[in-house]
């Protein structure tokens, strides 16, 4: 289960990307998470996925 609060979600997702996954696609596929939902929630607090850095910035 992923956090519903956008700030907590940001921390959770960036930790997973840093430590376990090479891309947002890989994280979403492995955890069976809707990528658009994550991107939308994090965009609501002005964070966007950076492929080169493999994190939300």
PDB file of N, CA and C in Angstrom:
ATOM      1  N   UNK A   1       0.844  -1.185   0.000  1.00  0.00           N
ATOM      2  CA  UNK A   1       0.000   0.000   0.000  1.00  0.00           C
ATOM      3  C   UNK A   1       0.885   1.242   0.000  1.00  0.00           C
ATOM      4  N   UNK A   2       0.562   2.171  -0.887  1.00  0.00           N
ATOM      5  CA  UNK A   2       1.352   3.391  -0.977  1.00  0.00           C
ATOM      6  C   UNK A   2       0.658   4.516  -0.207  1.00  0.00           C
ATOM      7  N   UNK A   3       1.418   5.495   0.270  1.00  0.00           N
ATOM      8  CA  UNK A   3       0.814   6.613   1.004  1.00  0.00           C
ATOM      9  C   UNK A   3      -0.135   7.419   0.127  1.00  0.00           C
ATOM     10  N   UNK A   4      -1.201   7.930   0.711  1.00  0.00           N
ATOM     11  CA  UNK A   4      -2.142   8.751  -0.053  1.00  0.00           C
ATOM     12  C   UNK A   4      -1.792  10.236   0.036  1.00  0.00           C
ATOM     13  N   UNK A   5      -1.116  10.639   1.103  1.00  0.00           N
ATOM     14  CA  UNK A   5      -0.693  12.026   1.251  1.00  0.00           C
ATOM     15  C   UNK A   5       0.411  12.317   0.229  1.00  0.00           C
ATOM     16  N   UNK A   6       0.275  13.375  -0.581  1.00  0.00           N
ATOM     17  CA  UNK A   6       1.270  13.640  -1.624  1.00  0.00           C
ATOM     18  C   UNK A   6       2.707  13.810  -1.108  1.00  0.00           C
ATOM     19  N   UNK A   7       2.895  14.457   0.019  1.00  0.00           N
ATOM     20  CA  UNK A   7       4.253  14.649   0.553  1.00  0.00           C
ATOM     21  C   UNK A   7       4.863  13.315   0.990  1.00  0.00           C
ATOM     22  N   UNK A   8       4.077  12.479   1.616  1.00  0.00           N
ATOM     23  CA  UNK A   8       4.565  11.161   2.024  1.00  0.00           C
ATOM     24  C   UNK A   8       4.797  10.280   0.797  1.00  0.00           C
ATOM     25  N   UNK A   9       3.925  10.409  -0.189  1.00  0.00           N
ATOM     26  CA  UNK A   9       4.073   9.658  -1.437  1.00  0.00           C
ATOM     27  C   UNK A   9       5.380  10.036  -2.126  1.00  0.00           C
ATOM     28  N   UNK A  10       5.701  11.316  -2.144  1.00  0.00           N
ATOM     29  CA  UNK A  10       6.949  11.789  -2.740  1.00  0.00           C
ATOM     30  C   UNK A  10       8.149  11.102  -2.092  1.00  0.00           C
ATOM     31  N   UNK A  11       8.182  11.098  -0.788  1.00  0.00           N
ATOM     32  CA  UNK A  11       9.287  10.471  -0.062  1.00  0.00           C
ATOM     33  C   UNK A  11       9.352   8.976  -0.362  1.00  0.00           C
ATOM     34  N   UNK A  12       8.223   8.313  -0.324  1.00  0.00           N
ATOM     35  CA  UNK A  12       8.140   6.873  -0.570  1.00  0.00           C
ATOM     36  C   UNK A  12       8.635   6.521  -1.970  1.00  0.00           C
ATOM     37  N   UNK A  13       8.109   7.223  -2.977  1.00  0.00           N
ATOM     38  CA  UNK A  13       8.441   6.916  -4.363  1.00  0.00           C
ATOM     39  C   UNK A  13       9.913   7.211  -4.643  1.00  0.00           C
ATOM     40  N   UNK A  14      10.409   8.351  -4.189  1.00  0.00           N
ATOM     41  CA  UNK A  14      11.816   8.667  -4.444  1.00  0.00           C
ATOM     42  C   UNK A  14      12.754   7.683  -3.758  1.00  0.00           C
ATOM     43  N   UNK A  15      12.399   7.221  -2.575  1.00  0.00           N
ATOM     44  CA  UNK A  15      13.209   6.206  -1.896  1.00  0.00           C
ATOM     45  C   UNK A  15      13.231   4.914  -2.707  1.00  0.00           C
ATOM     46  N   UNK A  16      12.070   4.474  -3.163  1.00  0.00           N
ATOM     47  CA  UNK A  16      11.985   3.245  -3.960  1.00  0.00           C
ATOM     48  C   UNK A  16      12.767   3.384  -5.269  1.00  0.00           C
ATOM     49  N   UNK A  17      12.652   4.546  -5.912  1.00  0.00           N
ATOM     50  CA  UNK A  17      13.385   4.767  -7.160  1.00  0.00           C
ATOM     51  C   UNK A  17      14.890   4.764  -6.913  1.00  0.00           C
ATOM     52  N   UNK A  18      15.312   5.376  -5.852  1.00  0.00           N
ATOM     53  CA  UNK A  18      16.746   5.444  -5.551  1.00  0.00           C
ATOM     54  C   UNK A  18      17.320   4.077  -5.205  1.00  0.00           C
ATOM     55  N   UNK A  19      16.599   3.312  -4.399  1.00  0.00           N
ATOM     56  CA  UNK A  19      17.159   2.083  -3.840  1.00  0.00           C
ATOM     57  C   UNK A  19      16.822   0.803  -4.602  1.00  0.00           C
ATOM     58  N   UNK A  20      15.720   0.795  -5.357  1.00  0.00           N
ATOM     59  CA  UNK A  20      15.266  -0.469  -5.914  1.00  0.00           C
ATOM     60  C   UNK A  20      14.923  -0.484  -7.404  1.00  0.00           C
ATOM     61  N   UNK A  21      14.607   0.657  -8.003  1.00  0.00           N
ATOM     62  CA  UNK A  21      14.086   0.649  -9.369  1.00  0.00           C
ATOM     63  C   UNK A  21      14.851   1.609 -10.280  1.00  0.00           C
ATOM     64  N   UNK A  22      15.071   1.182 -11.497  1.00  0.00           N
ATOM     65  CA  UNK A  22      15.791   1.980 -12.474  1.00  0.00           C
ATOM     66  C   UNK A  22      14.924   2.971 -13.231  1.00  0.00           C
ATOM     67  N   UNK A  23      13.609   2.877 -13.035  1.00  0.00           N
ATOM     68  CA  UNK A  23      12.697   3.803 -13.715  1.00  0.00           C
ATOM     69  C   UNK A  23      11.338   3.807 -13.008  1.00  0.00           C
ATOM     70  N   UNK A  24      10.574   4.839 -13.298  1.00  0.00           N
ATOM     71  CA  UNK A  24       9.212   4.921 -12.753  1.00  0.00           C
ATOM     72  C   UNK A  24       8.351   3.798 -13.329  1.00  0.00           C
ATOM     73  N   UNK A  25       8.552   3.473 -14.594  1.00  0.00           N
ATOM     74  CA  UNK A  25       7.803   2.373 -15.221  1.00  0.00           C
ATOM     75  C   UNK A  25       8.036   1.065 -14.483  1.00  0.00           C
ATOM     76  N   UNK A  26       9.300   0.789 -14.156  1.00  0.00           N
ATOM     77  CA  UNK A  26       9.635  -0.461 -13.456  1.00  0.00           C
ATOM     78  C   UNK A  26       8.982  -0.501 -12.074  1.00  0.00           C
ATOM     79  N   UNK A  27       9.008   0.610 -11.367  1.00  0.00           N
ATOM     80  CA  UNK A  27       8.379   0.674 -10.039  1.00  0.00           C
ATOM     81  C   UNK A  27       6.883   0.389 -10.154  1.00  0.00           C
ATOM     82  N   UNK A  28       6.220   1.076 -11.072  1.00  0.00           N
ATOM     83  CA  UNK A  28       4.767   0.922 -11.218  1.00  0.00           C
ATOM     84  C   UNK A  28       4.386  -0.491 -11.659  1.00  0.00           C
ATOM     85  N   UNK A  29       5.156  -1.051 -12.576  1.00  0.00           N
ATOM     86  CA  UNK A  29       4.875  -2.417 -13.029  1.00  0.00           C
ATOM     87  C   UNK A  29       5.039  -3.419 -11.898  1.00  0.00           C
ATOM     88  N   UNK A  30       6.120  -3.306 -11.160  1.00  0.00           N
ATOM     89  CA  UNK A  30       6.410  -4.256 -10.095  1.00  0.00           C
ATOM     90  C   UNK A  30       5.415  -4.168  -8.942  1.00  0.00           C
ATOM     91  N   UNK A  31       5.031  -2.943  -8.580  1.00  0.00           N
ATOM     92  CA  UNK A  31       4.122  -2.755  -7.444  1.00  0.00           C
ATOM     93  C   UNK A  31       2.653  -2.691  -7.861  1.00  0.00           C
ATOM     94  N   UNK A  32       2.401  -2.827  -9.174  1.00  0.00           N
ATOM     95  CA  UNK A  32       1.039  -2.765  -9.724  1.00  0.00           C
ATOM     96  C   UNK A  32       0.344  -1.461  -9.301  1.00  0.00           C
ATOM     97  N   UNK A  33       1.030  -0.353  -9.580  1.00  0.00           N
ATOM     98  CA  UNK A  33       0.542   0.983  -9.240  1.00  0.00           C
ATOM     99  C   UNK A  33       0.242   1.730 -10.529  1.00  0.00           C
ATOM    100  N   UNK A  34      -0.814   2.548 -10.512  1.00  0.00           N
ATOM    101  CA  UNK A  34      -1.177   3.361 -11.668  1.00  0.00           C
ATOM    102  C   UNK A  34      -0.220   4.558 -11.766  1.00  0.00           C
ATOM    103  N   UNK A  35       0.604   4.556 -12.818  1.00  0.00           N
ATOM    104  CA  UNK A  35       1.605   5.616 -12.987  1.00  0.00           C
ATOM    105  C   UNK A  35       0.967   6.994 -13.106  1.00  0.00           C
ATOM    106  N   UNK A  36      -0.123   7.099 -13.822  1.00  0.00           N
ATOM    107  CA  UNK A  36      -0.795   8.388 -13.998  1.00  0.00           C
ATOM    108  C   UNK A  36      -1.287   8.942 -12.662  1.00  0.00           C
ATOM    109  N   UNK A  37      -1.737   8.072 -11.782  1.00  0.00           N
ATOM    110  CA  UNK A  37      -2.197   8.511 -10.463  1.00  0.00           C
ATOM    111  C   UNK A  37      -1.041   9.096  -9.653  1.00  0.00           C
ATOM    112  N   UNK A  38       0.093   8.424  -9.668  1.00  0.00           N
ATOM    113  CA  UNK A  38       1.268   8.921  -8.944  1.00  0.00           C
ATOM    114  C   UNK A  38       1.730  10.246  -9.529  1.00  0.00           C
ATOM    115  N   UNK A  39       1.865  10.298 -10.842  1.00  0.00           N
ATOM    116  CA  UNK A  39       2.314  11.518 -11.500  1.00  0.00           C
ATOM    117  C   UNK A  39       1.354  12.668 -11.195  1.00  0.00           C
ATOM    118  N   UNK A  40       0.065  12.400 -11.225  1.00  0.00           N
ATOM    119  CA  UNK A  40      -0.939  13.430 -10.942  1.00  0.00           C
ATOM    120  C   UNK A  40      -0.883  13.931  -9.512  1.00  0.00           C
ATOM    121  N   UNK A  41      -0.771  13.013  -8.553  1.00  0.00           N
ATOM    122  CA  UNK A  41      -0.704  13.411  -7.142  1.00  0.00           C
ATOM    123  C   UNK A  41       0.538  14.250  -6.867  1.00  0.00           C
ATOM    124  N   UNK A  42       1.661  13.841  -7.449  1.00  0.00           N
ATOM    125  CA  UNK A  42       2.894  14.575  -7.195  1.00  0.00           C
ATOM    126  C   UNK A  42       2.931  15.891  -7.968  1.00  0.00           C
ATOM    127  N   UNK A  43       2.272  15.962  -9.098  1.00  0.00           N
ATOM    128  CA  UNK A  43       2.163  17.226  -9.824  1.00  0.00           C
ATOM    129  C   UNK A  43       1.342  18.232  -9.023  1.00  0.00           C
ATOM    130  N   UNK A  44       0.412  17.731  -8.206  1.00  0.00           N
ATOM    131  CA  UNK A  44      -0.416  18.623  -7.393  1.00  0.00           C
ATOM    132  C   UNK A  44       0.402  19.379  -6.347  1.00  0.00           C
ATOM    133  N   UNK A  45       1.591  18.863  -6.026  1.00  0.00           N
ATOM    134  CA  UNK A  45       2.484  19.579  -5.105  1.00  0.00           C
ATOM    135  C   UNK A  45       3.737  20.049  -5.856  1.00  0.00           C
ATOM    136  N   UNK A  46       3.592  20.162  -7.184  1.00  0.00           N
ATOM    137  CA  UNK A  46       4.620  20.711  -8.063  1.00  0.00           C
ATOM    138  C   UNK A  46       5.905  19.890  -8.133  1.00  0.00           C
ATOM    139  N   UNK A  47       5.767  18.569  -8.162  1.00  0.00           N
ATOM    140  CA  UNK A  47       6.902  17.671  -8.384  1.00  0.00           C
ATOM    141  C   UNK A  47       6.645  16.887  -9.663  1.00  0.00           C
ATOM    142  N   UNK A  48       7.693  16.752 -10.453  1.00  0.00           N
ATOM    143  CA  UNK A  48       7.586  16.089 -11.753  1.00  0.00           C
ATOM    144  C   UNK A  48       8.734  15.105 -11.904  1.00  0.00           C
ATOM    145  N   UNK A  49       8.464  14.007 -12.594  1.00  0.00           N
ATOM    146  CA  UNK A  49       9.462  12.964 -12.766  1.00  0.00           C
ATOM    147  C   UNK A  49      10.557  13.404 -13.727  1.00  0.00           C
ATOM    148  N   UNK A  50      11.798  13.245 -13.306  1.00  0.00           N
ATOM    149  CA  UNK A  50      12.973  13.525 -14.125  1.00  0.00           C
ATOM    150  C   UNK A  50      13.624  12.183 -14.471  1.00  0.00           C
ATOM    151  N   UNK A  51      13.520  11.791 -15.744  1.00  0.00           N
ATOM    152  CA  UNK A  51      14.052  10.480 -16.166  1.00  0.00           C
ATOM    153  C   UNK A  51      15.555  10.366 -15.933  1.00  0.00           C
ATOM    154  N   UNK A  52      16.290  11.422 -16.231  1.00  0.00           N
ATOM    155  CA  UNK A  52      17.744  11.382 -16.081  1.00  0.00           C
ATOM    156  C   UNK A  52      18.158  11.149 -14.631  1.00  0.00           C
ATOM    157  N   UNK A  53      17.460  11.786 -13.710  1.00  0.00           N
ATOM    158  CA  UNK A  53      17.781  11.648 -12.286  1.00  0.00           C
ATOM    159  C   UNK A  53      17.042  10.482 -11.644  1.00  0.00           C
ATOM    160  N   UNK A  54      16.044   9.948 -12.366  1.00  0.00           N
ATOM    161  CA  UNK A  54      15.191   8.872 -11.870  1.00  0.00           C
ATOM    162  C   UNK A  54      14.599   9.218 -10.506  1.00  0.00           C
ATOM    163  N   UNK A  55      14.007  10.403 -10.453  1.00  0.00           N
ATOM    164  CA  UNK A  55      13.344  10.846  -9.228  1.00  0.00           C
ATOM    165  C   UNK A  55      12.399  11.995  -9.536  1.00  0.00           C
ATOM    166  N   UNK A  56      11.537  12.268  -8.594  1.00  0.00           N
ATOM    167  CA  UNK A  56      10.644  13.413  -8.717  1.00  0.00           C
ATOM    168  C   UNK A  56      11.349  14.628  -8.137  1.00  0.00           C
ATOM    169  N   UNK A  57      11.370  15.701  -8.903  1.00  0.00           N
ATOM    170  CA  UNK A  57      12.028  16.932  -8.477  1.00  0.00           C
ATOM    171  C   UNK A  57      11.088  18.108  -8.634  1.00  0.00           C
TER     172      UNK A  57
END
